[in-house]
Amino acid sequence: MIRQRGAITTQPGHVIDFMATFLDVAGAGYPSQFQGRRPLPVEGKSLLPIFQGHEREAHEVLCWSVPQHDAIRMGRWKAVRPRKGGPWQLFDLQSDGTETSDLAQREPERVKELASRFEAWLKRVEEK
């Protein structure tokens, strides 16, 4: 399946893409019902096109929350905040891939937009 062994891609992937990838590789569908329940839909996108050396449609937004921080990535922008509270930091991943220059003070509207989208995601996933 992997055509370009040892190659590096700049196409973002996320842990949510694993299920979609496994289904794609297996040629299997995702059930709409299982043992009388309706499973949550797959939110990931298959990584198979990337493994085969192709481009795939990127995620519009990726959000995650881990014990130390909350984060959102949208295109070239990534915002991070401590999980226990505090201000969002903003990074331009295209020009600062190591996330060393916090641009939150220079881009308050972008921070506000990303924070709003993160809160909407968090509300949706906490309801599940």
N, C-alpha and C. Protein backbone atom coordinates (compact mmCIF):
# COMPACT_ATOMS: atom_id res chain seq x y z
N MET A 1 0.81 -1.20 0.00
CA MET A 1 0.00 0.00 0.00
C MET A 1 0.85 1.27 0.00
N ILE A 2 1.96 1.26 0.74
CA ILE A 2 2.77 2.47 0.84
C ILE A 2 3.72 2.50 -0.35
N ARG A 3 3.54 3.48 -1.21
CA ARG A 3 4.29 3.59 -2.45
C ARG A 3 5.64 4.28 -2.28
N GLN A 4 5.69 5.27 -1.42
CA GLN A 4 6.91 6.06 -1.28
C GLN A 4 7.52 5.83 0.10
N ARG A 5 8.12 4.69 0.28
CA ARG A 5 8.72 4.34 1.57
C ARG A 5 9.78 5.37 1.93
N GLY A 6 9.78 5.79 3.20
CA GLY A 6 10.76 6.75 3.68
C GLY A 6 10.47 8.19 3.33
N ALA A 7 9.39 8.44 2.60
CA ALA A 7 9.04 9.81 2.21
C ALA A 7 8.33 10.52 3.35
N ILE A 8 8.42 11.81 3.33
CA ILE A 8 7.72 12.64 4.31
C ILE A 8 6.69 13.46 3.56
N THR A 9 5.50 13.55 4.13
CA THR A 9 4.43 14.34 3.54
C THR A 9 4.09 15.50 4.46
N THR A 10 3.60 16.56 3.88
CA THR A 10 3.14 17.69 4.69
C THR A 10 1.63 17.65 4.88
N GLN A 11 0.99 16.58 4.38
CA GLN A 11 -0.45 16.46 4.54
C GLN A 11 -0.76 16.02 5.98
N PRO A 12 -1.53 16.81 6.71
CA PRO A 12 -1.83 16.44 8.10
C PRO A 12 -2.70 15.19 8.19
N GLY A 13 -2.40 14.39 9.18
CA GLY A 13 -3.22 13.25 9.53
C GLY A 13 -3.47 13.31 11.03
N HIS A 14 -4.45 12.56 11.48
CA HIS A 14 -4.82 12.60 12.90
C HIS A 14 -5.27 11.20 13.30
N VAL A 15 -5.23 10.92 14.58
CA VAL A 15 -5.63 9.61 15.07
C VAL A 15 -7.06 9.26 14.63
N ILE A 16 -7.92 10.25 14.43
CA ILE A 16 -9.28 9.95 13.98
C ILE A 16 -9.31 9.38 12.57
N ASP A 17 -8.20 9.49 11.84
CA ASP A 17 -8.13 8.96 10.48
C ASP A 17 -7.87 7.46 10.44
N PHE A 18 -7.48 6.85 11.56
CA PHE A 18 -7.15 5.43 11.55
C PHE A 18 -8.33 4.56 11.14
N MET A 19 -9.49 4.75 11.75
CA MET A 19 -10.64 3.90 11.43
C MET A 19 -11.01 4.02 9.95
N ALA A 20 -11.05 5.24 9.45
CA ALA A 20 -11.38 5.43 8.03
C ALA A 20 -10.35 4.74 7.14
N THR A 21 -9.09 4.79 7.54
CA THR A 21 -8.03 4.13 6.77
C THR A 21 -8.18 2.62 6.81
N PHE A 22 -8.44 2.06 8.00
CA PHE A 22 -8.60 0.61 8.12
C PHE A 22 -9.77 0.13 7.26
N LEU A 23 -10.87 0.85 7.29
CA LEU A 23 -12.03 0.48 6.48
C LEU A 23 -11.70 0.55 5.00
N ASP A 24 -10.98 1.59 4.60
CA ASP A 24 -10.61 1.77 3.20
C ASP A 24 -9.70 0.64 2.73
N VAL A 25 -8.68 0.32 3.51
CA VAL A 25 -7.75 -0.75 3.14
C VAL A 25 -8.48 -2.10 3.06
N ALA A 26 -9.39 -2.34 3.98
CA ALA A 26 -10.13 -3.61 4.00
C ALA A 26 -11.26 -3.65 2.99
N GLY A 27 -11.60 -2.51 2.40
CA GLY A 27 -12.73 -2.47 1.49
C GLY A 27 -14.04 -2.71 2.21
N ALA A 28 -14.09 -2.34 3.47
CA ALA A 28 -15.27 -2.58 4.30
C ALA A 28 -16.06 -1.30 4.51
N GLY A 29 -17.32 -1.46 4.76
CA GLY A 29 -18.18 -0.32 5.08
C GLY A 29 -18.30 -0.17 6.59
N TYR A 30 -18.76 0.97 7.00
CA TYR A 30 -18.97 1.24 8.42
C TYR A 30 -20.45 1.04 8.71
N PRO A 31 -20.78 0.31 9.74
CA PRO A 31 -22.20 0.00 9.99
C PRO A 31 -22.99 1.21 10.46
N SER A 32 -24.22 1.29 10.01
CA SER A 32 -25.12 2.33 10.53
C SER A 32 -25.82 1.84 11.79
N GLN A 33 -25.84 0.52 11.96
CA GLN A 33 -26.37 -0.09 13.19
C GLN A 33 -25.49 -1.26 13.58
N PHE A 34 -25.35 -1.47 14.89
CA PHE A 34 -24.57 -2.58 15.39
C PHE A 34 -25.16 -3.03 16.72
N GLN A 35 -25.61 -4.27 16.76
CA GLN A 35 -26.21 -4.85 17.97
C GLN A 35 -27.27 -3.93 18.57
N GLY A 36 -28.14 -3.42 17.71
CA GLY A 36 -29.25 -2.59 18.15
C GLY A 36 -28.89 -1.15 18.48
N ARG A 37 -27.65 -0.76 18.25
CA ARG A 37 -27.22 0.62 18.51
C ARG A 37 -26.81 1.29 17.21
N ARG A 38 -26.81 2.60 17.25
CA ARG A 38 -26.36 3.38 16.11
C ARG A 38 -24.99 3.98 16.45
N PRO A 39 -23.90 3.41 15.92
CA PRO A 39 -22.56 3.92 16.23
C PRO A 39 -22.39 5.35 15.74
N LEU A 40 -21.53 6.09 16.41
CA LEU A 40 -21.20 7.44 15.96
C LEU A 40 -20.57 7.35 14.58
N PRO A 41 -20.80 8.33 13.72
CA PRO A 41 -20.20 8.27 12.39
C PRO A 41 -18.67 8.43 12.45
N VAL A 42 -18.01 7.89 11.47
CA VAL A 42 -16.56 8.05 11.34
C VAL A 42 -16.28 9.49 10.95
N GLU A 43 -15.45 10.17 11.72
CA GLU A 43 -15.11 11.57 11.40
C GLU A 43 -13.79 11.69 10.66
N GLY A 44 -13.00 10.63 10.70
CA GLY A 44 -11.70 10.68 10.04
C GLY A 44 -11.80 10.53 8.54
N LYS A 45 -10.66 10.74 7.89
CA LYS A 45 -10.55 10.58 6.44
C LYS A 45 -9.41 9.61 6.19
N SER A 46 -9.61 8.72 5.24
CA SER A 46 -8.62 7.69 4.96
C SER A 46 -7.26 8.30 4.61
N LEU A 47 -6.22 7.68 5.17
CA LEU A 47 -4.85 8.05 4.86
C LEU A 47 -4.32 7.30 3.64
N LEU A 48 -5.10 6.34 3.14
CA LEU A 48 -4.65 5.51 2.02
C LEU A 48 -4.17 6.33 0.82
N PRO A 49 -4.89 7.37 0.39
CA PRO A 49 -4.37 8.15 -0.75
C PRO A 49 -2.96 8.71 -0.49
N ILE A 50 -2.71 9.13 0.73
CA ILE A 50 -1.38 9.66 1.07
C ILE A 50 -0.35 8.55 0.99
N PHE A 51 -0.68 7.37 1.54
CA PHE A 51 0.23 6.23 1.49
C PHE A 51 0.57 5.85 0.04
N GLN A 52 -0.39 6.09 -0.86
CA GLN A 52 -0.19 5.73 -2.26
C GLN A 52 0.44 6.87 -3.07
N GLY A 53 0.85 7.94 -2.37
CA GLY A 53 1.55 9.03 -3.05
C GLY A 53 0.65 10.08 -3.65
N HIS A 54 -0.63 10.10 -3.25
CA HIS A 54 -1.58 11.07 -3.79
C HIS A 54 -1.94 12.12 -2.75
N GLU A 55 -2.60 13.16 -3.21
CA GLU A 55 -3.17 14.16 -2.32
C GLU A 55 -4.54 13.68 -1.88
N ARG A 56 -4.95 14.08 -0.70
CA ARG A 56 -6.33 13.80 -0.26
C ARG A 56 -6.93 15.12 0.22
N GLU A 57 -8.22 15.14 0.27
CA GLU A 57 -8.90 16.33 0.79
C GLU A 57 -8.57 16.46 2.28
N ALA A 58 -8.10 17.63 2.66
CA ALA A 58 -7.68 17.85 4.04
C ALA A 58 -8.89 18.07 4.94
N HIS A 59 -8.68 17.87 6.23
CA HIS A 59 -9.69 18.22 7.22
C HIS A 59 -9.80 19.75 7.24
N GLU A 60 -11.01 20.25 7.31
CA GLU A 60 -11.18 21.69 7.44
C GLU A 60 -10.66 22.14 8.81
N VAL A 61 -11.02 21.39 9.83
CA VAL A 61 -10.62 21.70 11.20
C VAL A 61 -10.32 20.39 11.94
N LEU A 62 -9.27 20.40 12.74
CA LEU A 62 -8.97 19.29 13.64
C LEU A 62 -8.91 19.85 15.05
N CYS A 63 -9.61 19.21 15.97
CA CYS A 63 -9.59 19.62 17.38
C CYS A 63 -9.21 18.42 18.22
N TRP A 64 -8.53 18.70 19.32
CA TRP A 64 -8.23 17.64 20.27
C TRP A 64 -8.02 18.23 21.65
N SER A 65 -8.23 17.36 22.61
CA SER A 65 -8.07 17.74 24.01
C SER A 65 -7.38 16.59 24.71
N VAL A 66 -6.23 16.86 25.28
CA VAL A 66 -5.45 15.86 26.01
C VAL A 66 -5.23 16.39 27.42
N PRO A 67 -4.72 15.58 28.32
CA PRO A 67 -4.63 16.04 29.72
C PRO A 67 -3.92 17.38 29.93
N GLN A 68 -2.95 17.71 29.12
CA GLN A 68 -2.21 18.95 29.35
C GLN A 68 -2.74 20.16 28.59
N HIS A 69 -3.38 19.94 27.43
CA HIS A 69 -3.81 21.10 26.65
C HIS A 69 -4.97 20.77 25.71
N ASP A 70 -5.60 21.85 25.25
CA ASP A 70 -6.60 21.80 24.19
C ASP A 70 -5.94 22.39 22.95
N ALA A 71 -6.35 21.91 21.77
CA ALA A 71 -5.75 22.43 20.55
C ALA A 71 -6.75 22.37 19.40
N ILE A 72 -6.54 23.27 18.46
CA ILE A 72 -7.31 23.28 17.22
C ILE A 72 -6.37 23.64 16.10
N ARG A 73 -6.51 22.95 14.99
CA ARG A 73 -5.74 23.26 13.80
C ARG A 73 -6.71 23.52 12.66
N MET A 74 -6.49 24.62 11.97
CA MET A 74 -7.31 24.97 10.82
C MET A 74 -6.35 25.52 9.75
N GLY A 75 -6.11 24.70 8.73
CA GLY A 75 -5.16 25.10 7.70
C GLY A 75 -3.78 25.28 8.29
N ARG A 76 -3.21 26.44 8.05
CA ARG A 76 -1.85 26.72 8.53
C ARG A 76 -1.81 27.16 9.99
N TRP A 77 -2.98 27.37 10.60
CA TRP A 77 -3.05 27.93 11.95
C TRP A 77 -3.32 26.87 13.00
N LYS A 78 -2.66 27.01 14.13
CA LYS A 78 -2.89 26.12 15.27
C LYS A 78 -2.96 26.98 16.52
N ALA A 79 -4.00 26.73 17.32
CA ALA A 79 -4.16 27.42 18.60
C ALA A 79 -4.10 26.36 19.71
N VAL A 80 -3.43 26.71 20.80
CA VAL A 80 -3.24 25.80 21.93
C VAL A 80 -3.46 26.59 23.21
N ARG A 81 -4.10 25.93 24.18
CA ARG A 81 -4.24 26.54 25.51
C ARG A 81 -4.09 25.46 26.57
N PRO A 82 -3.65 25.85 27.76
CA PRO A 82 -3.57 24.87 28.84
C PRO A 82 -4.96 24.35 29.17
N ARG A 83 -5.07 23.09 29.44
CA ARG A 83 -6.37 22.48 29.73
C ARG A 83 -6.97 23.03 31.02
N LYS A 84 -6.13 23.46 31.94
CA LYS A 84 -6.63 23.99 33.22
C LYS A 84 -6.98 25.47 33.12
N GLY A 85 -7.01 26.00 31.92
CA GLY A 85 -7.36 27.40 31.74
C GLY A 85 -6.15 28.24 31.37
N GLY A 86 -6.44 29.38 30.84
CA GLY A 86 -5.37 30.27 30.40
C GLY A 86 -5.63 30.72 28.98
N PRO A 87 -4.83 31.64 28.50
CA PRO A 87 -5.06 32.18 27.16
C PRO A 87 -4.63 31.21 26.06
N TRP A 88 -5.25 31.40 24.91
CA TRP A 88 -4.86 30.65 23.73
C TRP A 88 -3.56 31.22 23.19
N GLN A 89 -2.69 30.35 22.71
CA GLN A 89 -1.53 30.75 21.94
C GLN A 89 -1.84 30.42 20.49
N LEU A 90 -1.29 31.18 19.56
CA LEU A 90 -1.56 30.99 18.14
C LEU A 90 -0.24 30.85 17.39
N PHE A 91 -0.20 29.86 16.50
CA PHE A 91 1.01 29.61 15.73
C PHE A 91 0.67 29.47 14.25
N ASP A 92 1.52 30.01 13.40
CA ASP A 92 1.42 29.85 11.96
C ASP A 92 2.35 28.70 11.59
N LEU A 93 1.79 27.53 11.38
CA LEU A 93 2.60 26.34 11.13
C LEU A 93 3.35 26.39 9.82
N GLN A 94 2.89 27.21 8.89
CA GLN A 94 3.57 27.31 7.61
C GLN A 94 4.93 28.01 7.76
N SER A 95 4.98 29.03 8.59
CA SER A 95 6.24 29.76 8.76
C SER A 95 6.95 29.42 10.07
N ASP A 96 6.27 28.70 10.96
CA ASP A 96 6.83 28.41 12.29
C ASP A 96 6.41 27.00 12.72
N GLY A 97 6.94 26.01 12.04
CA GLY A 97 6.56 24.62 12.31
C GLY A 97 6.93 24.13 13.69
N THR A 98 7.85 24.81 14.37
CA THR A 98 8.25 24.39 15.71
C THR A 98 7.48 25.14 16.79
N GLU A 99 6.53 25.96 16.39
CA GLU A 99 5.63 26.66 17.31
C GLU A 99 6.40 27.45 18.37
N THR A 100 7.26 28.33 17.91
CA THR A 100 8.05 29.14 18.84
C THR A 100 7.58 30.58 18.94
N SER A 101 6.80 31.05 17.96
CA SER A 101 6.36 32.45 17.96
C SER A 101 4.85 32.54 18.13
N ASP A 102 4.42 32.93 19.32
CA ASP A 102 3.00 33.08 19.62
C ASP A 102 2.48 34.36 18.97
N LEU A 103 1.52 34.21 18.07
CA LEU A 103 0.97 35.35 17.33
C LEU A 103 -0.40 35.79 17.85
N ALA A 104 -0.79 35.31 19.01
CA ALA A 104 -2.13 35.59 19.54
C ALA A 104 -2.38 37.09 19.71
N GLN A 105 -1.42 37.82 20.17
CA GLN A 105 -1.61 39.27 20.36
C GLN A 105 -1.76 40.00 19.04
N ARG A 106 -1.10 39.51 18.00
CA ARG A 106 -1.17 40.14 16.67
C ARG A 106 -2.42 39.74 15.89
N GLU A 107 -3.01 38.61 16.24
CA GLU A 107 -4.14 38.05 15.48
C GLU A 107 -5.33 37.73 16.40
N PRO A 108 -5.84 38.71 17.15
CA PRO A 108 -6.91 38.40 18.11
C PRO A 108 -8.19 37.87 17.46
N GLU A 109 -8.52 38.35 16.27
CA GLU A 109 -9.74 37.87 15.61
C GLU A 109 -9.60 36.41 15.19
N ARG A 110 -8.43 36.03 14.73
CA ARG A 110 -8.19 34.64 14.35
C ARG A 110 -8.27 33.74 15.59
N VAL A 111 -7.71 34.19 16.69
CA VAL A 111 -7.78 33.43 17.94
C VAL A 111 -9.24 33.27 18.36
N LYS A 112 -9.99 34.32 18.26
CA LYS A 112 -11.42 34.29 18.64
C LYS A 112 -12.18 33.27 17.77
N GLU A 113 -11.91 33.27 16.47
CA GLU A 113 -12.57 32.33 15.57
C GLU A 113 -12.20 30.89 15.90
N LEU A 114 -10.92 30.63 16.09
CA LEU A 114 -10.48 29.27 16.41
C LEU A 114 -11.03 28.82 17.76
N ALA A 115 -11.02 29.70 18.74
CA ALA A 115 -11.55 29.36 20.06
C ALA A 115 -13.03 29.02 19.97
N SER A 116 -13.76 29.78 19.18
CA SER A 116 -15.19 29.54 19.01
C SER A 116 -15.44 28.17 18.36
N ARG A 117 -14.65 27.86 17.34
CA ARG A 117 -14.81 26.57 16.67
C ARG A 117 -14.42 25.41 17.59
N PHE A 118 -13.40 25.64 18.42
CA PHE A 118 -13.02 24.60 19.39
C PHE A 118 -14.14 24.37 20.38
N GLU A 119 -14.72 25.43 20.90
CA GLU A 119 -15.80 25.28 21.89
C GLU A 119 -17.00 24.56 21.30
N ALA A 120 -17.32 24.84 20.03
CA ALA A 120 -18.42 24.14 19.37
C ALA A 120 -18.10 22.65 19.24
N TRP A 121 -16.87 22.33 18.87
CA TRP A 121 -16.45 20.93 18.78
C TRP A 121 -16.53 20.26 20.15
N LEU A 122 -16.01 20.93 21.17
CA LEU A 122 -16.00 20.36 22.51
C LEU A 122 -17.43 20.07 23.01
N LYS A 123 -18.31 20.99 22.76
CA LYS A 123 -19.72 20.79 23.16
C LYS A 123 -20.31 19.58 22.45
N ARG A 124 -20.02 19.45 21.15
CA ARG A 124 -20.56 18.35 20.37
C ARG A 124 -20.02 17.00 20.86
N VAL A 125 -18.72 16.91 21.11
CA VAL A 125 -18.17 15.62 21.51
C VAL A 125 -18.48 15.27 22.96
N GLU A 126 -18.66 16.28 23.79
CA GLU A 126 -19.02 15.99 25.19
C GLU A 126 -20.45 15.50 25.30
N GLU A 127 -21.31 15.86 24.34
CA GLU A 127 -22.70 15.40 24.36
C GLU A 127 -22.79 13.93 23.98
N LYS A 128 -21.80 13.42 23.27
CA LYS A 128 -21.82 12.03 22.82
C LYS A 128 -21.47 11.18 23.96
